[in-house]
Protein backbone atom coordinates (compact mmCIF):
# COMPACT_ATOMS: atom_id res chain seq x y z
CA MET A 1 -4.30 20.39 9.73
CA ALA A 2 -2.65 17.62 7.39
CA ALA A 3 -2.77 13.80 8.18
CA ALA A 4 -0.05 11.70 8.09
CA VAL A 5 -1.09 8.76 5.26
CA TYR A 6 0.22 5.69 3.56
CA LEU A 7 -0.84 4.78 0.56
CA GLY A 8 -0.08 1.25 -1.58
CA LEU A 9 0.70 1.28 -5.32
CA GLY A 10 0.82 -1.57 -7.53
CA SER A 11 0.66 -2.20 -11.39
CA ASN A 12 0.82 -5.27 -13.53
CA LEU A 13 -0.66 -3.82 -17.09
CA GLY A 14 1.05 -2.09 -19.68
CA ASP A 15 4.44 0.28 -18.81
CA ARG A 16 3.93 -0.75 -14.64
CA ALA A 17 6.81 1.76 -13.72
CA ALA A 18 5.62 4.78 -15.65
CA ALA A 19 2.04 4.11 -14.55
CA LEU A 20 3.59 4.16 -10.77
CA GLY A 21 5.05 7.25 -11.33
CA ARG A 22 1.97 9.13 -13.23
CA ALA A 23 0.14 7.75 -10.17
CA ARG A 24 1.92 9.70 -7.75
CA VAL A 25 2.19 12.90 -10.15
CA LEU A 26 -1.83 12.80 -9.92
CA LEU A 27 -1.77 12.22 -6.40
CA GLN A 28 0.49 14.86 -5.32
CA GLY A 29 -2.19 17.36 -7.75
CA ARG A 30 -5.08 16.49 -6.19
CA GLY A 31 -3.92 17.10 -2.91
CA PHE A 32 -1.75 14.05 -1.68
CA GLU A 33 1.77 15.25 -0.74
CA THR A 34 4.34 12.71 -1.13
CA LEU A 35 7.19 12.51 1.85
CA SER A 36 8.47 9.12 1.60
CA ARG A 37 8.93 6.74 -1.00
CA SER A 38 9.67 2.86 -0.52
CA SER A 39 11.67 1.04 -3.43
CA THR A 40 9.83 0.03 -6.21
CA TRP A 41 9.53 -4.22 -5.14
CA LEU A 42 8.24 -6.98 -8.11
CA THR A 43 6.10 -9.08 -6.41
CA GLU A 44 4.08 -12.32 -7.62
CA PRO A 45 0.23 -11.84 -7.36
CA VAL A 46 -1.97 -12.70 -5.08
CA GLY A 47 -5.11 -14.02 -5.81
CA GLY A 48 -7.57 -14.01 -8.60
CA PRO A 49 -6.91 -15.30 -12.04
CA PRO A 50 -3.33 -16.04 -13.56
CA GLN A 51 -1.87 -12.97 -14.27
CA GLY A 52 1.67 -10.87 -14.48
CA TRP A 53 3.77 -9.87 -11.55
CA PHE A 54 3.25 -6.55 -10.18
CA LEU A 55 5.39 -3.45 -9.17
CA ASN A 56 4.93 -2.81 -5.67
CA GLU A 57 5.49 0.69 -4.17
CA VAL A 58 3.96 2.58 -0.78
CA LEU A 59 3.96 6.57 -0.63
CA GLY A 60 4.11 8.39 2.95
CA GLY A 61 2.85 11.88 2.78
CA GLU A 62 0.25 14.22 4.20
CA THR A 63 -3.14 16.14 2.96
CA ALA A 64 -5.80 18.17 3.93
CA LEU A 65 -8.49 16.00 2.42
CA SER A 66 -10.61 14.22 4.25
CA PRO A 67 -10.68 10.14 3.86
CA GLU A 68 -13.28 10.45 1.70
CA GLU A 69 -12.01 13.08 -0.74
CA LEU A 70 -8.68 11.38 -0.66
CA LEU A 71 -10.42 8.17 -1.64
CA ALA A 72 -12.38 9.89 -4.37
CA ALA A 73 -8.36 11.16 -5.74
CA CYS A 74 -7.20 8.02 -5.44
CA LEU A 75 -10.08 6.36 -7.67
CA ALA A 76 -9.93 9.17 -10.18
CA THR A 77 -6.00 8.51 -10.72
CA GLU A 78 -7.39 4.93 -11.30
CA LYS A 79 -9.89 5.87 -13.73
CA GLU A 80 -7.33 8.48 -15.64
CA LEU A 81 -4.80 6.02 -15.84
CA GLY A 82 -7.18 3.00 -17.65
CA ARG A 83 -8.16 1.32 -14.25
CA VAL A 84 -10.74 -1.17 -15.28
CA ARG A 85 -12.47 -3.04 -12.36
CA GLY A 86 -13.40 -6.49 -13.78
CA GLU A 87 -12.71 -9.50 -12.05
CA ARG A 88 -11.73 -9.04 -8.21
CA PHE A 89 -7.95 -9.47 -8.05
CA GLY A 90 -7.54 -9.26 -11.28
CA PRO A 91 -4.74 -7.79 -13.25
CA ARG A 92 -5.01 -3.92 -13.52
CA THR A 93 -3.38 -0.89 -14.69
CA ILE A 94 -3.14 0.67 -11.35
CA ASP A 95 -4.28 0.27 -7.84
CA ILE A 96 -4.37 2.66 -5.15
CA ASP A 97 -5.36 1.96 -1.87
CA ILE A 98 -5.09 4.15 1.68
CA LEU A 99 -3.20 1.77 3.90
CA PHE A 100 -3.16 4.09 6.66
CA TYR A 101 -4.51 7.25 7.76
CA GLY A 102 -3.35 8.59 10.53
CA ASP A 103 -4.73 6.29 13.58
CA LEU A 104 -8.08 6.95 11.56
CA ARG A 105 -10.23 3.81 12.52
CA ARG A 106 -12.83 3.32 10.02
CA ASP A 107 -15.56 0.60 8.73
CA SER A 108 -18.37 2.10 6.40
CA PRO A 109 -19.36 0.57 3.02
CA GLY A 110 -16.67 2.68 0.86
CA LEU A 111 -14.15 2.73 3.21
CA VAL A 112 -12.18 0.69 5.66
CA LEU A 113 -9.45 2.47 7.68
CA PRO A 114 -6.49 0.80 7.97
CA HIS A 115 -7.21 -1.16 5.08
CA PRO A 116 -8.22 -4.32 5.68
CA ARG A 117 -5.73 -6.70 4.58
CA LEU A 118 -2.70 -5.00 4.57
CA HIS A 119 -1.20 -7.26 7.73
CA GLU A 120 -1.61 -9.98 4.98
CA ARG A 121 0.03 -8.69 2.14
CA LEU A 122 4.08 -9.12 2.53
CA PHE A 123 4.19 -6.94 -1.20
CA VAL A 124 2.46 -3.94 1.32
CA LEU A 125 4.26 -4.69 4.35
CA ALA A 126 7.90 -5.19 2.84
CA PRO A 127 7.70 -1.56 0.96
CA LEU A 128 5.90 0.01 4.08
CA ALA A 129 8.73 -1.46 6.71
CA GLU A 130 11.59 -0.10 4.21
CA ILE A 131 9.66 4.06 4.64
CA ALA A 132 8.38 3.40 8.18
CA PRO A 133 9.72 0.61 10.15
CA ARG A 134 8.60 1.94 13.82
CA LEU A 135 4.86 2.75 12.37
CA ARG A 136 2.21 0.76 14.75
CA HIS A 137 -0.80 -0.71 13.07
CA PRO A 138 -3.68 1.21 15.17
CA VAL A 139 -5.74 -2.27 15.82
CA LEU A 140 -3.01 -4.92 15.98
CA GLY A 141 -0.46 -3.18 18.07
CA LEU A 142 2.23 -4.38 15.52
CA THR A 143 4.77 -2.69 13.38
CA ALA A 144 4.83 -3.74 9.86
CA ALA A 145 8.55 -5.24 10.51
CA SER A 146 6.93 -7.26 13.11
CA ARG A 147 4.31 -8.52 10.89
CA ILE A 148 6.56 -9.56 8.28
CA ARG A 149 8.57 -11.75 10.77
CA LEU A 150 5.15 -13.43 11.74
CA ARG A 151 4.67 -13.93 8.19
CA LEU A 152 7.38 -15.54 7.54
CA SER A 153 8.49 -17.52 10.95
CA SER A 154 5.79 -20.10 9.39
CA VAL A 155 8.11 -20.37 5.77
CA ARG A 156 11.10 -22.76 6.74
CA GLY A 157 13.95 -22.91 4.31
CA LEU A 158 14.51 -19.89 2.71
CA GLY A 159 17.29 -18.35 4.58
CA ILE A 160 15.30 -15.10 5.04
CA SER A 161 16.51 -13.12 8.18
CA MET A 162 14.38 -10.21 9.07
CA GLY A 163 16.97 -8.57 11.72
CA SER A 164 14.98 -6.61 14.96
CA ASP A 165 14.49 -3.46 14.63
CA GLY A 166 13.72 -3.10 18.02
CA ALA A 167 10.54 -1.51 18.29
CA ASP A 168 8.80 -4.36 19.48
CA GLU A 169 10.75 -5.81 21.74
């Protein structure tokens, strides 16, 4: 039985667009079937040392892999694309995070589901809201679109307006 899964991809070293494209191909070959893909977003790095901006996107899809097998596929893809794990939140050729694995909740040493910081990260929330505006966080009960509105409500003077998707009203 295939599980509905959302993955976050990001790159800020080398040919970022090529890294994202190659990651999509490698993930497909490792058992992740992409059914939807967000636009590619140019985003400022959050935390870590000074570094270049990221290209980010979210993939929605299905897999017959277990969460641990999917994590292994993501890590193998990162390794094949030259990811070197150095400084936390440092620059990277590719970063692949499992955001959601169905409604599964897991808190194990190597894997936390849903991703523990996705609700804080606009660089994940915006592309997720683009492809799955009504997807609800199984712990928080909020959609990505509503979480964006909450994050932006504390920002003043940007002239940003998030229309209602009707999912949380």
